[in-house]
């Protein structure tokens, strides 16, 4: 929807994030299978956003809730270097994503929504 509305820069960034998360999910599933666990498929409802600020605030809230859970998960894998390393990398990736989202929310506040949207136009 973002690309169709002309916000190509933002759409490309969000798609890249989505692709990274898909790759991470495949790695986690492969690791679970290596450990003899059957991955559980669970569909989650995901809201469709028409408001960009609302979308970024949702991402920010999502990352804020996920980071502490991931940090607690590290303790469960003290003897499993491979899984622990995967979780640590996931934490770094989520922190980077959180920082990017906060930066864009702050930018919206500083330059105004209209100017922010102009910045996101194009490829």
PDB file of N, CA and C in Angstrom:
ATOM      1  N   UNK A   1       0.825  -1.193   0.000  1.00  0.00           N
ATOM      2  CA  UNK A   1       0.000   0.000   0.000  1.00  0.00           C
ATOM      3  C   UNK A   1       0.869   1.257   0.000  1.00  0.00           C
ATOM      4  N   UNK A   2       1.985   1.208   0.738  1.00  0.00           N
ATOM      5  CA  UNK A   2       2.853   2.378   0.782  1.00  0.00           C
ATOM      6  C   UNK A   2       3.397   2.723  -0.600  1.00  0.00           C
ATOM      7  N   UNK A   3       3.828   1.700  -1.309  1.00  0.00           N
ATOM      8  CA  UNK A   3       4.393   1.925  -2.650  1.00  0.00           C
ATOM      9  C   UNK A   3       3.321   2.474  -3.586  1.00  0.00           C
ATOM     10  N   UNK A   4       2.116   1.954  -3.508  1.00  0.00           N
ATOM     11  CA  UNK A   4       1.034   2.432  -4.367  1.00  0.00           C
ATOM     12  C   UNK A   4       0.655   3.876  -4.051  1.00  0.00           C
ATOM     13  N   UNK A   5       0.875   4.275  -2.809  1.00  0.00           N
ATOM     14  CA  UNK A   5       0.582   5.654  -2.414  1.00  0.00           C
ATOM     15  C   UNK A   5       1.737   6.589  -2.752  1.00  0.00           C
ATOM     16  N   UNK A   6       2.835   6.026  -3.298  1.00  0.00           N
ATOM     17  CA  UNK A   6       3.953   6.856  -3.723  1.00  0.00           C
ATOM     18  C   UNK A   6       5.097   6.942  -2.740  1.00  0.00           C
ATOM     19  N   UNK A   7       4.974   6.287  -1.586  1.00  0.00           N
ATOM     20  CA  UNK A   7       6.006   6.363  -0.560  1.00  0.00           C
ATOM     21  C   UNK A   7       7.012   5.224  -0.732  1.00  0.00           C
ATOM     22  N   UNK A   8       7.712   5.258  -1.853  1.00  0.00           N
ATOM     23  CA  UNK A   8       8.617   4.177  -2.232  1.00  0.00           C
ATOM     24  C   UNK A   8       9.755   3.951  -1.262  1.00  0.00           C
ATOM     25  N   UNK A   9      10.357   5.025  -0.745  1.00  0.00           N
ATOM     26  CA  UNK A   9      11.484   4.870   0.179  1.00  0.00           C
ATOM     27  C   UNK A   9      11.048   4.115   1.431  1.00  0.00           C
ATOM     28  N   UNK A  10       9.933   4.533   1.986  1.00  0.00           N
ATOM     29  CA  UNK A  10       9.427   3.888   3.195  1.00  0.00           C
ATOM     30  C   UNK A  10       8.985   2.459   2.902  1.00  0.00           C
ATOM     31  N   UNK A  11       8.330   2.261   1.771  1.00  0.00           N
ATOM     32  CA  UNK A  11       7.883   0.919   1.394  1.00  0.00           C
ATOM     33  C   UNK A  11       9.063  -0.028   1.232  1.00  0.00           C
ATOM     34  N   UNK A  12      10.135   0.449   0.609  1.00  0.00           N
ATOM     35  CA  UNK A  12      11.322  -0.390   0.418  1.00  0.00           C
ATOM     36  C   UNK A  12      11.953  -0.770   1.749  1.00  0.00           C
ATOM     37  N   UNK A  13      12.013   0.173   2.684  1.00  0.00           N
ATOM     38  CA  UNK A  13      12.591  -0.108   4.002  1.00  0.00           C
ATOM     39  C   UNK A  13      11.737  -1.131   4.754  1.00  0.00           C
ATOM     40  N   UNK A  14      10.447  -0.949   4.744  1.00  0.00           N
ATOM     41  CA  UNK A  14       9.540  -1.870   5.442  1.00  0.00           C
ATOM     42  C   UNK A  14       9.623  -3.258   4.801  1.00  0.00           C
ATOM     43  N   UNK A  15       9.704  -3.326   3.477  1.00  0.00           N
ATOM     44  CA  UNK A  15       9.813  -4.618   2.799  1.00  0.00           C
ATOM     45  C   UNK A  15      11.135  -5.295   3.144  1.00  0.00           C
ATOM     46  N   UNK A  16      12.211  -4.532   3.210  1.00  0.00           N
ATOM     47  CA  UNK A  16      13.514  -5.101   3.580  1.00  0.00           C
ATOM     48  C   UNK A  16      13.451  -5.667   5.001  1.00  0.00           C
ATOM     49  N   UNK A  17      12.802  -4.954   5.903  1.00  0.00           N
ATOM     50  CA  UNK A  17      12.636  -5.438   7.282  1.00  0.00           C
ATOM     51  C   UNK A  17      11.829  -6.736   7.284  1.00  0.00           C
ATOM     52  N   UNK A  18      10.780  -6.767   6.490  1.00  0.00           N
ATOM     53  CA  UNK A  18       9.938  -7.958   6.403  1.00  0.00           C
ATOM     54  C   UNK A  18      10.728  -9.152   5.877  1.00  0.00           C
ATOM     55  N   UNK A  19      11.526  -8.913   4.853  1.00  0.00           N
ATOM     56  CA  UNK A  19      12.351  -9.990   4.291  1.00  0.00           C
ATOM     57  C   UNK A  19      13.356 -10.515   5.320  1.00  0.00           C
ATOM     58  N   UNK A  20      13.964  -9.606   6.090  1.00  0.00           N
ATOM     59  CA  UNK A  20      14.907 -10.012   7.138  1.00  0.00           C
ATOM     60  C   UNK A  20      14.207 -10.868   8.196  1.00  0.00           C
ATOM     61  N   UNK A  21      13.008 -10.460   8.585  1.00  0.00           N
ATOM     62  CA  UNK A  21      12.282 -11.228   9.597  1.00  0.00           C
ATOM     63  C   UNK A  21      11.888 -12.605   9.064  1.00  0.00           C
ATOM     64  N   UNK A  22      11.543 -12.688   7.785  1.00  0.00           N
ATOM     65  CA  UNK A  22      11.211 -13.980   7.182  1.00  0.00           C
ATOM     66  C   UNK A  22      12.437 -14.888   7.188  1.00  0.00           C
ATOM     67  N   UNK A  23      13.591 -14.333   6.829  1.00  0.00           N
ATOM     68  CA  UNK A  23      14.833 -15.112   6.851  1.00  0.00           C
ATOM     69  C   UNK A  23      15.156 -15.589   8.265  1.00  0.00           C
ATOM     70  N   UNK A  24      14.949 -14.714   9.250  1.00  0.00           N
ATOM     71  CA  UNK A  24      15.183 -15.103  10.648  1.00  0.00           C
ATOM     72  C   UNK A  24      14.246 -16.230  11.063  1.00  0.00           C
ATOM     73  N   UNK A  25      12.997 -16.139  10.659  1.00  0.00           N
ATOM     74  CA  UNK A  25      12.029 -17.173  11.009  1.00  0.00           C
ATOM     75  C   UNK A  25      12.434 -18.519  10.413  1.00  0.00           C
ATOM     76  N   UNK A  26      12.927 -18.505   9.174  1.00  0.00           N
ATOM     77  CA  UNK A  26      13.373 -19.756   8.556  1.00  0.00           C
ATOM     78  C   UNK A  26      14.565 -20.335   9.312  1.00  0.00           C
ATOM     79  N   UNK A  27      15.488 -19.484   9.757  1.00  0.00           N
ATOM     80  CA  UNK A  27      16.652 -19.956  10.520  1.00  0.00           C
ATOM     81  C   UNK A  27      16.222 -20.544  11.862  1.00  0.00           C
ATOM     82  N   UNK A  28      15.274 -19.881  12.518  1.00  0.00           N
ATOM     83  CA  UNK A  28      14.784 -20.385  13.809  1.00  0.00           C
ATOM     84  C   UNK A  28      14.114 -21.741  13.616  1.00  0.00           C
ATOM     85  N   UNK A  29      13.277 -21.867  12.588  1.00  0.00           N
ATOM     86  CA  UNK A  29      12.620 -23.152  12.329  1.00  0.00           C
ATOM     87  C   UNK A  29      13.640 -24.243  12.030  1.00  0.00           C
ATOM     88  N   UNK A  30      14.662 -23.916  11.245  1.00  0.00           N
ATOM     89  CA  UNK A  30      15.708 -24.900  10.950  1.00  0.00           C
ATOM     90  C   UNK A  30      16.423 -25.313  12.228  1.00  0.00           C
ATOM     91  N   UNK A  31      16.683 -24.351  13.101  1.00  0.00           N
ATOM     92  CA  UNK A  31      17.363 -24.673  14.371  1.00  0.00           C
ATOM     93  C   UNK A  31      16.469 -25.542  15.253  1.00  0.00           C
ATOM     94  N   UNK A  32      15.187 -25.237  15.306  1.00  0.00           N
ATOM     95  CA  UNK A  32      14.267 -26.057  16.102  1.00  0.00           C
ATOM     96  C   UNK A  32      14.258 -27.496  15.598  1.00  0.00           C
ATOM     97  N   UNK A  33      14.246 -27.663  14.293  1.00  0.00           N
ATOM     98  CA  UNK A  33      14.261 -29.004  13.709  1.00  0.00           C
ATOM     99  C   UNK A  33      15.562 -29.722  14.052  1.00  0.00           C
ATOM    100  N   UNK A  34      16.694 -28.994  13.998  1.00  0.00           N
ATOM    101  CA  UNK A  34      17.987 -29.585  14.399  1.00  0.00           C
ATOM    102  C   UNK A  34      17.945 -30.081  15.839  1.00  0.00           C
ATOM    103  N   UNK A  35      17.219 -29.354  16.686  1.00  0.00           N
ATOM    104  CA  UNK A  35      17.127 -29.720  18.102  1.00  0.00           C
ATOM    105  C   UNK A  35      16.067 -30.778  18.375  1.00  0.00           C
ATOM    106  N   UNK A  36      15.373 -31.228  17.312  1.00  0.00           N
ATOM    107  CA  UNK A  36      14.365 -32.263  17.466  1.00  0.00           C
ATOM    108  C   UNK A  36      12.996 -31.753  17.873  1.00  0.00           C
ATOM    109  N   UNK A  37      12.763 -30.471  17.686  1.00  0.00           N
ATOM    110  CA  UNK A  37      11.488 -29.862  18.053  1.00  0.00           C
ATOM    111  C   UNK A  37      10.698 -29.611  16.773  1.00  0.00           C
ATOM    112  N   UNK A  38       9.411 -29.842  16.830  1.00  0.00           N
ATOM    113  CA  UNK A  38       8.547 -29.538  15.694  1.00  0.00           C
ATOM    114  C   UNK A  38       8.074 -28.090  15.826  1.00  0.00           C
ATOM    115  N   UNK A  39       8.436 -27.251  14.857  1.00  0.00           N
ATOM    116  CA  UNK A  39       7.991 -25.852  14.937  1.00  0.00           C
ATOM    117  C   UNK A  39       6.469 -25.762  14.909  1.00  0.00           C
ATOM    118  N   UNK A  40       5.943 -24.852  15.696  1.00  0.00           N
ATOM    119  CA  UNK A  40       4.505 -24.621  15.744  1.00  0.00           C
ATOM    120  C   UNK A  40       4.168 -23.431  14.860  1.00  0.00           C
ATOM    121  N   UNK A  41       3.224 -23.626  13.972  1.00  0.00           N
ATOM    122  CA  UNK A  41       2.778 -22.542  13.106  1.00  0.00           C
ATOM    123  C   UNK A  41       1.595 -21.879  13.793  1.00  0.00           C
ATOM    124  N   UNK A  42       1.720 -20.584  13.972  1.00  0.00           N
ATOM    125  CA  UNK A  42       0.652 -19.836  14.625  1.00  0.00           C
ATOM    126  C   UNK A  42       0.407 -18.567  13.821  1.00  0.00           C
ATOM    127  N   UNK A  43      -0.790 -18.419  13.354  1.00  0.00           N
ATOM    128  CA  UNK A  43      -1.137 -17.208  12.619  1.00  0.00           C
ATOM    129  C   UNK A  43      -1.537 -16.126  13.604  1.00  0.00           C
ATOM    130  N   UNK A  44      -1.006 -14.956  13.366  1.00  0.00           N
ATOM    131  CA  UNK A  44      -1.354 -13.821  14.208  1.00  0.00           C
ATOM    132  C   UNK A  44      -2.063 -12.789  13.347  1.00  0.00           C
ATOM    133  N   UNK A  45      -3.060 -12.183  13.925  1.00  0.00           N
ATOM    134  CA  UNK A  45      -3.723 -11.102  13.207  1.00  0.00           C
ATOM    135  C   UNK A  45      -2.786  -9.909  13.192  1.00  0.00           C
ATOM    136  N   UNK A  46      -2.713  -9.286  12.050  1.00  0.00           N
ATOM    137  CA  UNK A  46      -1.847  -8.131  11.894  1.00  0.00           C
ATOM    138  C   UNK A  46      -2.682  -6.998  11.336  1.00  0.00           C
ATOM    139  N   UNK A  47      -2.683  -5.861  12.003  1.00  0.00           N
ATOM    140  CA  UNK A  47      -3.521  -4.763  11.523  1.00  0.00           C
ATOM    141  C   UNK A  47      -3.016  -4.192  10.196  1.00  0.00           C
ATOM    142  N   UNK A  48      -3.941  -3.711   9.409  1.00  0.00           N
ATOM    143  CA  UNK A  48      -3.604  -3.014   8.174  1.00  0.00           C
ATOM    144  C   UNK A  48      -3.677  -1.524   8.495  1.00  0.00           C
ATOM    145  N   UNK A  49      -2.568  -0.847   8.233  1.00  0.00           N
ATOM    146  CA  UNK A  49      -2.484   0.569   8.578  1.00  0.00           C
ATOM    147  C   UNK A  49      -2.626   1.439   7.350  1.00  0.00           C
ATOM    148  N   UNK A  50      -3.409   2.499   7.477  1.00  0.00           N
ATOM    149  CA  UNK A  50      -3.455   3.520   6.442  1.00  0.00           C
ATOM    150  C   UNK A  50      -2.718   4.771   6.922  1.00  0.00           C
ATOM    151  N   UNK A  51      -2.526   4.893   8.211  1.00  0.00           N
ATOM    152  CA  UNK A  51      -1.814   6.029   8.793  1.00  0.00           C
ATOM    153  C   UNK A  51      -0.374   5.613   9.096  1.00  0.00           C
ATOM    154  N   UNK A  52       0.580   6.307   8.507  1.00  0.00           N
ATOM    155  CA  UNK A  52       1.984   5.928   8.635  1.00  0.00           C
ATOM    156  C   UNK A  52       2.485   6.106  10.061  1.00  0.00           C
ATOM    157  N   UNK A  53       2.116   7.175  10.719  1.00  0.00           N
ATOM    158  CA  UNK A  53       2.546   7.384  12.106  1.00  0.00           C
ATOM    159  C   UNK A  53       2.021   6.253  12.994  1.00  0.00           C
ATOM    160  N   UNK A  54       0.774   5.894  12.809  1.00  0.00           N
ATOM    161  CA  UNK A  54       0.174   4.806  13.583  1.00  0.00           C
ATOM    162  C   UNK A  54       0.921   3.495  13.345  1.00  0.00           C
ATOM    163  N   UNK A  55       1.310   3.244  12.098  1.00  0.00           N
ATOM    164  CA  UNK A  55       2.051   2.036  11.754  1.00  0.00           C
ATOM    165  C   UNK A  55       3.399   2.015  12.483  1.00  0.00           C
ATOM    166  N   UNK A  56       4.131   3.124  12.446  1.00  0.00           N
ATOM    167  CA  UNK A  56       5.433   3.176  13.098  1.00  0.00           C
ATOM    168  C   UNK A  56       5.306   3.075  14.622  1.00  0.00           C
ATOM    169  N   UNK A  57       4.268   3.681  15.181  1.00  0.00           N
ATOM    170  CA  UNK A  57       4.041   3.556  16.625  1.00  0.00           C
ATOM    171  C   UNK A  57       3.746   2.110  17.011  1.00  0.00           C
ATOM    172  N   UNK A  58       3.025   1.396  16.153  1.00  0.00           N
ATOM    173  CA  UNK A  58       2.751  -0.023  16.388  1.00  0.00           C
ATOM    174  C   UNK A  58       4.051  -0.814  16.375  1.00  0.00           C
ATOM    175  N   UNK A  59       4.930  -0.552  15.380  1.00  0.00           N
ATOM    176  CA  UNK A  59       6.220  -1.231  15.301  1.00  0.00           C
ATOM    177  C   UNK A  59       7.066  -0.937  16.537  1.00  0.00           C
ATOM    178  N   UNK A  60       7.001   0.292  16.992  1.00  0.00           N
ATOM    179  CA  UNK A  60       7.779   0.698  18.165  1.00  0.00           C
ATOM    180  C   UNK A  60       7.293  -0.048  19.404  1.00  0.00           C
ATOM    181  N   UNK A  61       5.989  -0.108  19.581  1.00  0.00           N
ATOM    182  CA  UNK A  61       5.403  -0.826  20.720  1.00  0.00           C
ATOM    183  C   UNK A  61       5.751  -2.308  20.650  1.00  0.00           C
ATOM    184  N   UNK A  62       5.672  -2.874  19.447  1.00  0.00           N
ATOM    185  CA  UNK A  62       5.971  -4.288  19.241  1.00  0.00           C
ATOM    186  C   UNK A  62       7.413  -4.597  19.638  1.00  0.00           C
ATOM    187  N   UNK A  63       8.354  -3.766  19.204  1.00  0.00           N
ATOM    188  CA  UNK A  63       9.765  -3.978  19.543  1.00  0.00           C
ATOM    189  C   UNK A  63      10.002  -3.774  21.028  1.00  0.00           C
ATOM    190  N   UNK A  64       9.335  -2.786  21.628  1.00  0.00           N
ATOM    191  CA  UNK A  64       9.495  -2.518  23.058  1.00  0.00           C
ATOM    192  C   UNK A  64       9.070  -3.731  23.884  1.00  0.00           C
ATOM    193  N   UNK A  65       8.022  -4.413  23.451  1.00  0.00           N
ATOM    194  CA  UNK A  65       7.547  -5.595  24.176  1.00  0.00           C
ATOM    195  C   UNK A  65       8.411  -6.822  23.904  1.00  0.00           C
ATOM    196  N   UNK A  66       8.959  -6.921  22.697  1.00  0.00           N
ATOM    197  CA  UNK A  66       9.722  -8.114  22.311  1.00  0.00           C
ATOM    198  C   UNK A  66      11.123  -8.147  22.917  1.00  0.00           C
ATOM    199  N   UNK A  67      11.775  -7.011  23.031  1.00  0.00           N
ATOM    200  CA  UNK A  67      13.166  -6.991  23.488  1.00  0.00           C
ATOM    201  C   UNK A  67      13.363  -7.606  24.880  1.00  0.00           C
ATOM    202  N   UNK A  68      12.554  -7.268  25.874  1.00  0.00           N
ATOM    203  CA  UNK A  68      12.749  -7.906  27.187  1.00  0.00           C
ATOM    204  C   UNK A  68      12.519  -9.418  27.158  1.00  0.00           C
ATOM    205  N   UNK A  69      11.544  -9.875  26.370  1.00  0.00           N
ATOM    206  CA  UNK A  69      11.287 -11.310  26.258  1.00  0.00           C
ATOM    207  C   UNK A  69      12.485 -12.038  25.667  1.00  0.00           C
ATOM    208  N   UNK A  70      13.084 -11.445  24.654  1.00  0.00           N
ATOM    209  CA  UNK A  70      14.251 -12.065  24.024  1.00  0.00           C
ATOM    210  C   UNK A  70      15.435 -12.101  24.988  1.00  0.00           C
ATOM    211  N   UNK A  71      15.598 -11.046  25.765  1.00  0.00           N
ATOM    212  CA  UNK A  71      16.689 -11.017  26.740  1.00  0.00           C
ATOM    213  C   UNK A  71      16.507 -12.116  27.782  1.00  0.00           C
ATOM    214  N   UNK A  72      15.270 -12.346  28.206  1.00  0.00           N
ATOM    215  CA  UNK A  72      15.006 -13.432  29.168  1.00  0.00           C
ATOM    216  C   UNK A  72      15.267 -14.795  28.537  1.00  0.00           C
ATOM    217  N   UNK A  73      15.012 -14.905  27.244  1.00  0.00           N
ATOM    218  CA  UNK A  73      15.212 -16.180  26.551  1.00  0.00           C
ATOM    219  C   UNK A  73      16.688 -16.570  26.518  1.00  0.00           C
ATOM    220  N   UNK A  74      17.578 -15.593  26.566  1.00  0.00           N
ATOM    221  CA  UNK A  74      19.011 -15.902  26.550  1.00  0.00           C
ATOM    222  C   UNK A  74      19.399 -16.835  27.693  1.00  0.00           C
ATOM    223  N   UNK A  75      18.788 -16.639  28.855  1.00  0.00           N
ATOM    224  CA  UNK A  75      19.114 -17.462  30.019  1.00  0.00           C
ATOM    225  C   UNK A  75      18.769 -18.935  29.790  1.00  0.00           C
ATOM    226  N   UNK A  76      17.811 -19.202  28.932  1.00  0.00           N
ATOM    227  CA  UNK A  76      17.408 -20.575  28.662  1.00  0.00           C
ATOM    228  C   UNK A  76      18.415 -21.330  27.799  1.00  0.00           C
ATOM    229  N   UNK A  77      19.321 -20.597  27.164  1.00  0.00           N
ATOM    230  CA  UNK A  77      20.239 -21.212  26.206  1.00  0.00           C
ATOM    231  C   UNK A  77      21.702 -20.995  26.572  1.00  0.00           C
ATOM    232  N   UNK A  78      21.999 -20.999  27.864  1.00  0.00           N
ATOM    233  CA  UNK A  78      23.384 -20.788  28.291  1.00  0.00           C
ATOM    234  C   UNK A  78      24.323 -21.865  27.757  1.00  0.00           C
ATOM    235  N   UNK A  79      23.835 -23.086  27.611  1.00  0.00           N
ATOM    236  CA  UNK A  79      24.680 -24.196  27.157  1.00  0.00           C
ATOM    237  C   UNK A  79      24.560 -24.471  25.653  1.00  0.00           C
ATOM    238  N   UNK A  80      23.795 -23.655  24.949  1.00  0.00           N
ATOM    239  CA  UNK A  80      23.569 -23.860  23.520  1.00  0.00           C
ATOM    240  C   UNK A  80      24.062 -22.620  22.778  1.00  0.00           C
ATOM    241  N   UNK A  81      25.334 -22.657  22.386  1.00  0.00           N
ATOM    242  CA  UNK A  81      25.961 -21.493  21.763  1.00  0.00           C
ATOM    243  C   UNK A  81      25.250 -21.070  20.486  1.00  0.00           C
ATOM    244  N   UNK A  82      24.855 -22.019  19.649  1.00  0.00           N
ATOM    245  CA  UNK A  82      24.242 -21.690  18.361  1.00  0.00           C
ATOM    246  C   UNK A  82      22.916 -20.950  18.576  1.00  0.00           C
ATOM    247  N   UNK A  83      22.051 -21.491  19.420  1.00  0.00           N
ATOM    248  CA  UNK A  83      20.756 -20.846  19.670  1.00  0.00           C
ATOM    249  C   UNK A  83      20.951 -19.506  20.363  1.00  0.00           C
ATOM    250  N   UNK A  84      21.861 -19.474  21.310  1.00  0.00           N
ATOM    251  CA  UNK A  84      22.133 -18.227  22.036  1.00  0.00           C
ATOM    252  C   UNK A  84      22.628 -17.144  21.075  1.00  0.00           C
ATOM    253  N   UNK A  85      23.501 -17.514  20.164  1.00  0.00           N
ATOM    254  CA  UNK A  85      24.023 -16.566  19.178  1.00  0.00           C
ATOM    255  C   UNK A  85      22.905 -16.044  18.281  1.00  0.00           C
ATOM    256  N   UNK A  86      21.997 -16.923  17.888  1.00  0.00           N
ATOM    257  CA  UNK A  86      20.862 -16.513  17.062  1.00  0.00           C
ATOM    258  C   UNK A  86      19.998 -15.491  17.806  1.00  0.00           C
ATOM    259  N   UNK A  87      19.748 -15.749  19.078  1.00  0.00           N
ATOM    260  CA  UNK A  87      18.924 -14.834  19.871  1.00  0.00           C
ATOM    261  C   UNK A  87      19.643 -13.502  20.044  1.00  0.00           C
ATOM    262  N   UNK A  88      20.938 -13.548  20.307  1.00  0.00           N
ATOM    263  CA  UNK A  88      21.691 -12.308  20.458  1.00  0.00           C
ATOM    264  C   UNK A  88      21.639 -11.476  19.182  1.00  0.00           C
ATOM    265  N   UNK A  89      21.785 -12.121  18.027  1.00  0.00           N
ATOM    266  CA  UNK A  89      21.717 -11.387  16.764  1.00  0.00           C
ATOM    267  C   UNK A  89      20.324 -10.823  16.546  1.00  0.00           C
ATOM    268  N   UNK A  90      19.308 -11.592  16.935  1.00  0.00           N
ATOM    269  CA  UNK A  90      17.938 -11.115  16.805  1.00  0.00           C
ATOM    270  C   UNK A  90      17.718  -9.883  17.675  1.00  0.00           C
ATOM    271  N   UNK A  91      18.279  -9.881  18.880  1.00  0.00           N
ATOM    272  CA  UNK A  91      18.158  -8.725  19.771  1.00  0.00           C
ATOM    273  C   UNK A  91      18.816  -7.504  19.141  1.00  0.00           C
ATOM    274  N   UNK A  92      19.999  -7.683  18.574  1.00  0.00           N
ATOM    275  CA  UNK A  92      20.695  -6.571  17.910  1.00  0.00           C
ATOM    276  C   UNK A  92      19.843  -6.038  16.757  1.00  0.00           C
ATOM    277  N   UNK A  93      19.298  -6.943  15.948  1.00  0.00           N
ATOM    278  CA  UNK A  93      18.466  -6.534  14.808  1.00  0.00           C
ATOM    279  C   UNK A  93      17.216  -5.783  15.270  1.00  0.00           C
ATOM    280  N   UNK A  94      16.578  -6.283  16.313  1.00  0.00           N
ATOM    281  CA  UNK A  94      15.368  -5.626  16.821  1.00  0.00           C
ATOM    282  C   UNK A  94      15.694  -4.258  17.401  1.00  0.00           C
ATOM    283  N   UNK A  95      16.835  -4.139  18.080  1.00  0.00           N
ATOM    284  CA  UNK A  95      17.239  -2.848  18.639  1.00  0.00           C
ATOM    285  C   UNK A  95      17.503  -1.848  17.520  1.00  0.00           C
ATOM    286  N   UNK A  96      18.153  -2.302  16.449  1.00  0.00           N
ATOM    287  CA  UNK A  96      18.393  -1.427  15.297  1.00  0.00           C
ATOM    288  C   UNK A  96      17.070  -0.989  14.664  1.00  0.00           C
ATOM    289  N   UNK A  97      16.137  -1.921  14.534  1.00  0.00           N
ATOM    290  CA  UNK A  97      14.826  -1.591  13.973  1.00  0.00           C
ATOM    291  C   UNK A  97      14.100  -0.595  14.874  1.00  0.00           C
ATOM    292  N   UNK A  98      14.138  -0.840  16.176  1.00  0.00           N
ATOM    293  CA  UNK A  98      13.509   0.060  17.144  1.00  0.00           C
ATOM    294  C   UNK A  98      14.102   1.462  17.024  1.00  0.00           C
ATOM    295  N   UNK A  99      15.431   1.543  16.934  1.00  0.00           N
ATOM    296  CA  UNK A  99      16.091   2.844  16.809  1.00  0.00           C
ATOM    297  C   UNK A  99      15.679   3.558  15.523  1.00  0.00           C
ATOM    298  N   UNK A 100      15.564   2.797  14.416  1.00  0.00           N
ATOM    299  CA  UNK A 100      15.136   3.384  13.150  1.00  0.00           C
ATOM    300  C   UNK A 100      13.714   3.935  13.263  1.00  0.00           C
ATOM    301  N   UNK A 101      12.828   3.162  13.880  1.00  0.00           N
ATOM    302  CA  UNK A 101      11.435   3.594  14.029  1.00  0.00           C
ATOM    303  C   UNK A 101      11.370   4.849  14.899  1.00  0.00           C
ATOM    304  N   UNK A 102      12.083   4.853  16.035  1.00  0.00           N
ATOM    305  CA  UNK A 102      12.083   6.032  16.916  1.00  0.00           C
ATOM    306  C   UNK A 102      12.621   7.256  16.179  1.00  0.00           C
ATOM    307  N   UNK A 103      13.673   7.055  15.369  1.00  0.00           N
ATOM    308  CA  UNK A 103      14.248   8.151  14.610  1.00  0.00           C
ATOM    309  C   UNK A 103      13.203   8.742  13.663  1.00  0.00           C
ATOM    310  N   UNK A 104      12.436   7.890  13.007  1.00  0.00           N
ATOM    311  CA  UNK A 104      11.425   8.378  12.066  1.00  0.00           C
ATOM    312  C   UNK A 104      10.245   9.021  12.789  1.00  0.00           C
ATOM    313  N   UNK A 105       9.863   8.497  13.928  1.00  0.00           N
ATOM    314  CA  UNK A 105       8.801   9.149  14.700  1.00  0.00           C
ATOM    315  C   UNK A 105       9.259  10.523  15.177  1.00  0.00           C
ATOM    316  N   UNK A 106      10.509  10.621  15.607  1.00  0.00           N
ATOM    317  CA  UNK A 106      11.051  11.924  16.027  1.00  0.00           C
ATOM    318  C   UNK A 106      11.134  12.883  14.846  1.00  0.00           C
ATOM    319  N   UNK A 107      11.514  12.364  13.681  1.00  0.00           N
ATOM    320  CA  UNK A 107      11.589  13.189  12.487  1.00  0.00           C
ATOM    321  C   UNK A 107      10.211  13.748  12.131  1.00  0.00           C
ATOM    322  N   UNK A 108       9.185  12.912  12.242  1.00  0.00           N
ATOM    323  CA  UNK A 108       7.818  13.376  11.991  1.00  0.00           C
ATOM    324  C   UNK A 108       7.473  14.542  12.910  1.00  0.00           C
ATOM    325  N   UNK A 109       7.868  14.398  14.165  1.00  0.00           N
ATOM    326  CA  UNK A 109       7.562  15.436  15.148  1.00  0.00           C
ATOM    327  C   UNK A 109       8.344  16.722  14.848  1.00  0.00           C
ATOM    328  N   UNK A 110       9.602  16.570  14.452  1.00  0.00           N
ATOM    329  CA  UNK A 110      10.446  17.742  14.222  1.00  0.00           C
ATOM    330  C   UNK A 110      10.089  18.512  12.954  1.00  0.00           C
ATOM    331  N   UNK A 111       9.868  17.800  11.845  1.00  0.00           N
ATOM    332  CA  UNK A 111       9.642  18.502  10.570  1.00  0.00           C
ATOM    333  C   UNK A 111       8.179  18.519  10.154  1.00  0.00           C
ATOM    334  N   UNK A 112       7.339  17.823  10.877  1.00  0.00           N
ATOM    335  CA  UNK A 112       5.920  17.768  10.544  1.00  0.00           C
ATOM    336  C   UNK A 112       5.618  16.607   9.611  1.00  0.00           C
ATOM    337  N   UNK A 113       4.417  16.129   9.699  1.00  0.00           N
ATOM    338  CA  UNK A 113       4.023  14.948   8.935  1.00  0.00           C
ATOM    339  C   UNK A 113       4.091  15.190   7.432  1.00  0.00           C
ATOM    340  N   UNK A 114       3.656  16.350   6.977  1.00  0.00           N
ATOM    341  CA  UNK A 114       3.657  16.625   5.537  1.00  0.00           C
ATOM    342  C   UNK A 114       5.077  16.583   4.985  1.00  0.00           C
ATOM    343  N   UNK A 115       6.022  17.229   5.676  1.00  0.00           N
ATOM    344  CA  UNK A 115       7.414  17.231   5.210  1.00  0.00           C
ATOM    345  C   UNK A 115       8.018  15.831   5.284  1.00  0.00           C
ATOM    346  N   UNK A 116       7.645  15.074   6.303  1.00  0.00           N
ATOM    347  CA  UNK A 116       8.136  13.699   6.404  1.00  0.00           C
ATOM    348  C   UNK A 116       7.653  12.881   5.208  1.00  0.00           C
ATOM    349  N   UNK A 117       6.395  13.003   4.873  1.00  0.00           N
ATOM    350  CA  UNK A 117       5.832  12.245   3.753  1.00  0.00           C
ATOM    351  C   UNK A 117       6.499  12.638   2.438  1.00  0.00           C
ATOM    352  N   UNK A 118       6.814  13.905   2.278  1.00  0.00           N
ATOM    353  CA  UNK A 118       7.515  14.355   1.071  1.00  0.00           C
ATOM    354  C   UNK A 118       8.877  13.651   0.990  1.00  0.00           C
ATOM    355  N   UNK A 119       9.553  13.506   2.116  1.00  0.00           N
ATOM    356  CA  UNK A 119      10.849  12.830   2.160  1.00  0.00           C
ATOM    357  C   UNK A 119      10.734  11.361   1.764  1.00  0.00           C
ATOM    358  N   UNK A 120       9.587  10.750   1.983  1.00  0.00           N
ATOM    359  CA  UNK A 120       9.409   9.317   1.714  1.00  0.00           C
ATOM    360  C   UNK A 120       8.913   9.038   0.290  1.00  0.00           C
ATOM    361  N   UNK A 121       8.646  10.083  -0.468  1.00  0.00           N
ATOM    362  CA  UNK A 121       8.190   9.899  -1.844  1.00  0.00           C
ATOM    363  C   UNK A 121       9.312   9.369  -2.719  1.00  0.00           C
ATOM    364  N   UNK A 122       8.946   8.659  -3.757  1.00  0.00           N
ATOM    365  CA  UNK A 122       9.917   8.208  -4.739  1.00  0.00           C
ATOM    366  C   UNK A 122      10.524   6.873  -4.402  1.00  0.00           C
ATOM    367  N   UNK A 123      11.521   6.527  -5.188  1.00  0.00           N
ATOM    368  CA  UNK A 123      12.200   5.225  -5.037  1.00  0.00           C
ATOM    369  C   UNK A 123      13.362   5.332  -4.100  1.00  0.00           C
TER     370      UNK A 123
END
